[in-house]
Structure formats: structure tokens, C-alpha cells
Amino acid sequence: MIAFLRLVDNIVTLYIWLLILAAVMSWLISFNVINTRNRLVYTVADFLYRVTEPALRPIRRYIPSLGGIDISPVVLILALWFIRDLLFELFTP
């Protein structure tokens, strides 16, 4: 069971890093630091959007707009930390 928990922990940690990268990438694109006309930038941004958007979309429906600030990644990261810690508390001896 410990091996399964470690696998879940690694997957959740990887997904949290993808969420952080997607948020930073969206900031860099919106402030014109990087340009999506570059094929590599577009590919990375598209991948991050496709991976993170299905989990962020339901959260965005329930959180009100804060004047252009999107806090849905923060809410999702906190929820993932909570679920990960809850799993470790329930299934470790």
C-alpha cells in the first residue's frame, strides 16, 4: 500500500508543478515576455492548457471573478495537498 501512496504522491506533485508552470506561462504570454508565434512556446503552452484546463474549469464556475485575477490554480493546489495528506493519514499505519 505504501508503494501505491508514493505513486499517488508523485503524480499529485507532478500535477501541482504543471499547474504552476501553466500559471507562469500564462503570465509570461499575457505580459508579452514570450510570444506564442514561436512553435516551441505554442506547443508547451497548448500542452499545459490541455492538461490543466479540465481540472480548473469546474473551479472557475464557482469562484467569482476577482478583477482579472484567477485564483483557481491556488484553490486546486490546496485541494490536491489536502487530498494527498488525507490519503496518507487514512492508509499509513
Protein backbone atom coordinates (compact mmCIF):
# COMPACT_ATOMS: atom_id res chain seq x y z
CA MET A 1 0.00 0.00 0.00
CA ILE A 2 2.91 2.35 0.69
CA ALA A 3 4.14 1.99 -2.89
CA PHE A 4 0.70 2.97 -4.20
CA LEU A 5 0.62 6.01 -1.89
CA ARG A 6 4.06 7.08 -3.06
CA LEU A 7 2.93 6.75 -6.68
CA VAL A 8 -0.15 8.89 -5.98
CA ASP A 9 2.05 11.40 -4.14
CA ASN A 10 4.43 11.65 -7.11
CA ILE A 11 1.57 12.08 -9.59
CA VAL A 12 -0.06 14.78 -7.47
CA THR A 13 3.26 16.58 -7.05
CA LEU A 14 3.89 16.45 -10.80
CA TYR A 15 0.40 17.82 -11.49
CA ILE A 16 0.96 20.65 -8.99
CA TRP A 17 4.15 21.60 -10.84
CA LEU A 18 2.25 21.53 -14.14
CA LEU A 19 -0.34 23.89 -12.63
CA ILE A 20 2.39 26.27 -11.50
CA LEU A 21 4.07 26.14 -14.93
CA ALA A 22 0.75 26.80 -16.66
CA ALA A 23 0.09 29.84 -14.47
CA VAL A 24 3.58 31.25 -15.02
CA MET A 25 3.36 30.56 -18.76
CA SER A 26 0.02 32.39 -19.00
CA TRP A 27 1.51 35.39 -17.17
CA LEU A 28 4.53 35.46 -19.47
CA ILE A 29 2.31 35.27 -22.54
CA SER A 30 -0.11 37.94 -21.31
CA PHE A 31 2.74 40.36 -20.49
CA ASN A 32 4.40 39.70 -23.88
CA VAL A 33 7.58 38.32 -22.37
CA ILE A 34 7.30 35.27 -24.59
CA ASN A 35 5.47 35.02 -27.87
CA THR A 36 3.17 32.20 -28.93
CA ARG A 37 4.26 32.60 -32.56
CA ASN A 38 7.32 30.61 -31.55
CA ARG A 39 6.37 26.99 -32.24
CA LEU A 40 8.03 25.58 -29.10
CA VAL A 41 6.31 28.14 -26.85
CA TYR A 42 2.97 27.43 -28.51
CA THR A 43 3.39 23.67 -28.10
CA VAL A 44 4.32 23.92 -24.43
CA ALA A 45 1.51 26.39 -23.68
CA ASP A 46 -1.02 24.24 -25.53
CA PHE A 47 0.09 21.10 -23.67
CA LEU A 48 -0.15 22.85 -20.29
CA TYR A 49 -3.58 24.24 -21.18
CA ARG A 50 -4.90 20.84 -22.25
CA VAL A 51 -3.57 19.14 -19.11
CA THR A 52 -4.72 21.71 -16.56
CA GLU A 53 -7.91 23.17 -18.01
CA PRO A 54 -10.22 20.18 -17.37
CA ALA A 55 -9.48 20.39 -13.64
CA LEU A 56 -9.59 24.20 -13.46
CA ARG A 57 -12.82 24.74 -15.42
CA PRO A 58 -15.21 23.44 -12.73
CA ILE A 59 -13.47 25.55 -10.08
CA ARG A 60 -13.76 28.69 -12.21
CA ARG A 61 -17.54 28.20 -12.42
CA TYR A 62 -17.93 28.55 -8.65
CA ILE A 63 -15.27 31.17 -7.81
CA PRO A 64 -16.30 34.75 -8.55
CA SER A 65 -14.10 36.96 -10.71
CA LEU A 66 -11.60 38.98 -8.71
CA GLY A 67 -10.94 41.71 -11.24
CA GLY A 68 -8.93 39.66 -13.70
CA ILE A 69 -7.06 37.61 -11.10
CA ASP A 70 -7.55 33.87 -11.48
CA ILE A 71 -7.15 32.05 -8.18
CA SER A 72 -8.43 28.70 -9.43
CA PRO A 73 -4.90 27.18 -9.63
CA VAL A 74 -4.33 28.10 -5.98
CA VAL A 75 -7.64 26.52 -4.96
CA LEU A 76 -6.82 23.36 -6.92
CA ILE A 77 -3.33 23.11 -5.45
CA LEU A 78 -4.71 23.46 -1.92
CA ALA A 79 -7.33 20.79 -2.66
CA LEU A 80 -4.68 18.44 -4.06
CA TRP A 81 -2.48 18.93 -0.98
CA PHE A 82 -5.46 18.21 1.25
CA ILE A 83 -6.40 15.04 -0.64
CA ARG A 84 -2.81 13.83 -0.66
CA ASP A 85 -2.42 14.38 3.08
CA LEU A 86 -5.79 12.77 3.76
CA LEU A 87 -4.78 9.66 1.83
CA PHE A 88 -1.56 9.37 3.80
CA GLU A 89 -3.41 9.74 7.11
CA LEU A 90 -6.02 7.14 6.19
CA PHE A 91 -3.79 4.46 4.71
CA THR A 92 -0.50 4.60 6.61
CA PRO A 93 -0.09 2.57 9.78
